[in-house]
Protein backbone atom coordinates (compact mmCIF):
# COMPACT_ATOMS: atom_id res chain seq x y z
CA GLN A 1 -4.44 4.95 -26.97
CA VAL A 2 -3.34 4.64 -22.96
CA GLN A 3 0.24 3.84 -22.22
CA LEU A 4 2.24 3.99 -19.07
CA VAL A 5 6.24 4.01 -19.42
CA GLU A 6 8.29 3.72 -16.40
CA SER A 7 12.26 4.79 -16.78
CA GLY A 8 15.06 5.43 -14.62
CA GLY A 9 15.74 2.45 -12.44
CA GLY A 10 18.80 1.05 -11.67
CA LEU A 11 21.13 -0.77 -8.87
CA VAL A 12 22.18 1.76 -6.18
CA GLN A 13 24.20 1.55 -2.96
CA PRO A 14 22.19 2.35 0.06
CA GLY A 15 22.15 6.17 0.77
CA GLU A 16 22.65 7.36 -3.10
CA SER A 17 20.03 8.35 -5.17
CA LEU A 18 17.71 7.85 -8.15
CA ARG A 19 15.03 9.67 -10.15
CA ILE A 20 12.46 8.13 -12.14
CA SER A 21 10.09 9.04 -14.78
CA CYS A 22 6.93 7.85 -15.88
CA VAL A 23 5.67 9.15 -19.30
CA THR A 24 1.60 8.74 -19.88
CA SER A 25 -0.45 9.30 -22.67
CA GLY A 26 -3.84 9.19 -22.67
CA ARG A 27 -6.28 11.99 -21.29
CA ILE A 28 -7.13 10.04 -18.43
CA PHE A 29 -3.84 10.67 -16.94
CA SER A 30 -3.14 14.34 -17.28
CA GLU A 31 -6.62 15.03 -15.88
CA SER A 32 -6.55 12.65 -13.06
CA ALA A 33 -4.37 12.61 -9.90
CA MET A 34 -1.17 9.99 -10.34
CA ALA A 35 0.72 7.65 -7.92
CA TRP A 36 4.04 5.55 -7.97
CA PHE A 37 3.66 2.17 -6.77
CA ARG A 38 6.18 -0.44 -5.68
CA GLN A 39 6.11 -4.15 -5.35
CA SER A 40 8.79 -5.38 -3.35
CA PRO A 41 10.31 -9.29 -3.75
CA GLY A 42 7.71 -11.36 -2.10
CA LYS A 43 4.75 -8.70 -1.68
CA GLN A 44 2.02 -7.27 -3.00
CA ARG A 45 1.77 -4.05 -4.97
CA GLU A 46 1.23 -0.92 -2.78
CA ILE A 47 0.88 2.71 -3.29
CA ILE A 48 3.80 4.80 -1.88
CA ALA A 49 3.19 8.26 -3.30
CA GLY A 50 0.91 10.08 -5.31
CA ILE A 51 0.23 13.66 -6.80
CA THR A 52 -3.07 15.53 -7.67
CA THR A 53 -3.56 17.62 -10.66
CA ARG A 54 -3.28 20.85 -8.55
CA GLY A 55 0.14 19.09 -7.14
CA ALA A 56 -0.79 18.14 -3.68
CA THR A 57 1.12 15.23 -2.55
CA ASN A 58 0.88 12.36 -0.03
CA TYR A 59 3.68 9.88 1.03
CA LYS A 60 3.73 6.21 2.69
CA ASP A 61 5.28 6.82 5.73
CA SER A 62 8.22 4.66 5.00
CA VAL A 63 9.37 6.91 2.34
CA LYS A 64 8.33 10.13 3.74
CA GLY A 65 11.21 13.02 3.55
CA ARG A 66 13.02 11.05 1.33
CA PHE A 67 10.94 10.57 -1.61
CA THR A 68 9.43 13.07 -3.66
CA ILE A 69 6.61 12.98 -6.20
CA SER A 70 6.59 15.53 -9.30
CA ARG A 71 4.66 16.20 -12.55
CA ASP A 72 5.49 17.95 -15.81
CA LYS A 73 1.75 18.29 -17.37
CA ALA A 74 3.40 19.62 -20.37
CA LYS A 75 5.31 16.44 -21.19
CA ASN A 76 2.82 14.15 -19.67
CA THR A 77 5.53 12.94 -17.28
CA VAL A 78 5.37 12.10 -13.52
CA PHE A 79 8.59 11.82 -11.42
CA LEU A 80 10.01 10.02 -8.55
CA GLN A 81 12.95 11.62 -7.06
CA MET A 82 14.51 9.22 -4.50
CA ASN A 83 17.27 10.11 -2.03
CA ASN A 84 18.84 8.51 1.04
CA LEU A 85 17.61 4.96 -0.67
CA LYS A 86 17.14 1.67 1.75
CA SER A 87 17.62 -1.94 0.62
CA GLU A 88 13.58 -2.45 1.64
CA ASP A 89 12.94 0.06 -1.20
CA THR A 90 14.23 -2.03 -3.86
CA GLY A 91 11.60 -3.67 -6.02
CA VAL A 92 9.38 -2.83 -9.53
CA TYR A 93 8.38 0.86 -9.47
CA TYR A 94 4.91 1.33 -11.60
CA CYS A 95 3.30 4.51 -11.78
CA ASN A 96 -0.74 4.37 -12.39
CA LEU A 97 -3.68 6.81 -11.68
CA MET A 98 -3.81 7.39 -7.46
CA VAL A 99 -6.82 4.80 -7.99
CA PRO A 100 -6.19 2.83 -10.82
CA LEU A 101 -8.91 1.74 -13.30
CA GLU A 102 -10.16 -2.38 -12.69
CA GLY A 103 -8.72 -4.31 -15.78
CA GLY A 104 -6.90 -0.79 -16.62
CA SER A 105 -3.46 -1.10 -18.05
CA TRP A 106 -0.16 -1.28 -16.21
CA GLY A 107 3.50 -0.07 -17.63
CA GLN A 108 6.23 -2.36 -17.40
CA GLY A 109 7.72 -1.12 -14.45
CA THR A 110 11.15 -0.35 -13.82
CA GLN A 111 13.40 -2.55 -11.53
CA VAL A 112 15.04 -0.45 -8.32
CA THR A 113 17.55 -2.51 -6.47
CA VAL A 114 19.47 -0.98 -3.48
CA SER A 115 22.42 -3.34 -2.52
CA SER A 116 25.87 -2.70 -1.16
């Protein structure tokens, strides 16, 4: 069964940090590049960070230097450490394959709200 379960979101003030997690099940996830996506209010879902099976990472310019993506293959988990959060980081965060399968599954996401 293919499954993605995101958690760890919440309400924080600007400048604070959060670490969100995504537990995956399904061999395809452990053998593929993974990514975090964000859907901000009124906007389309966009990729913000990716990690290959070898640990190479890439980031959307707006989060470079603040966010760090990592993965624990033994635990089938992908993490996103978010530091110095800004109001524009508010949104629902999802993890998935770096190139999601057309018609493939998405998790429920985890809400991150940055507000004073």
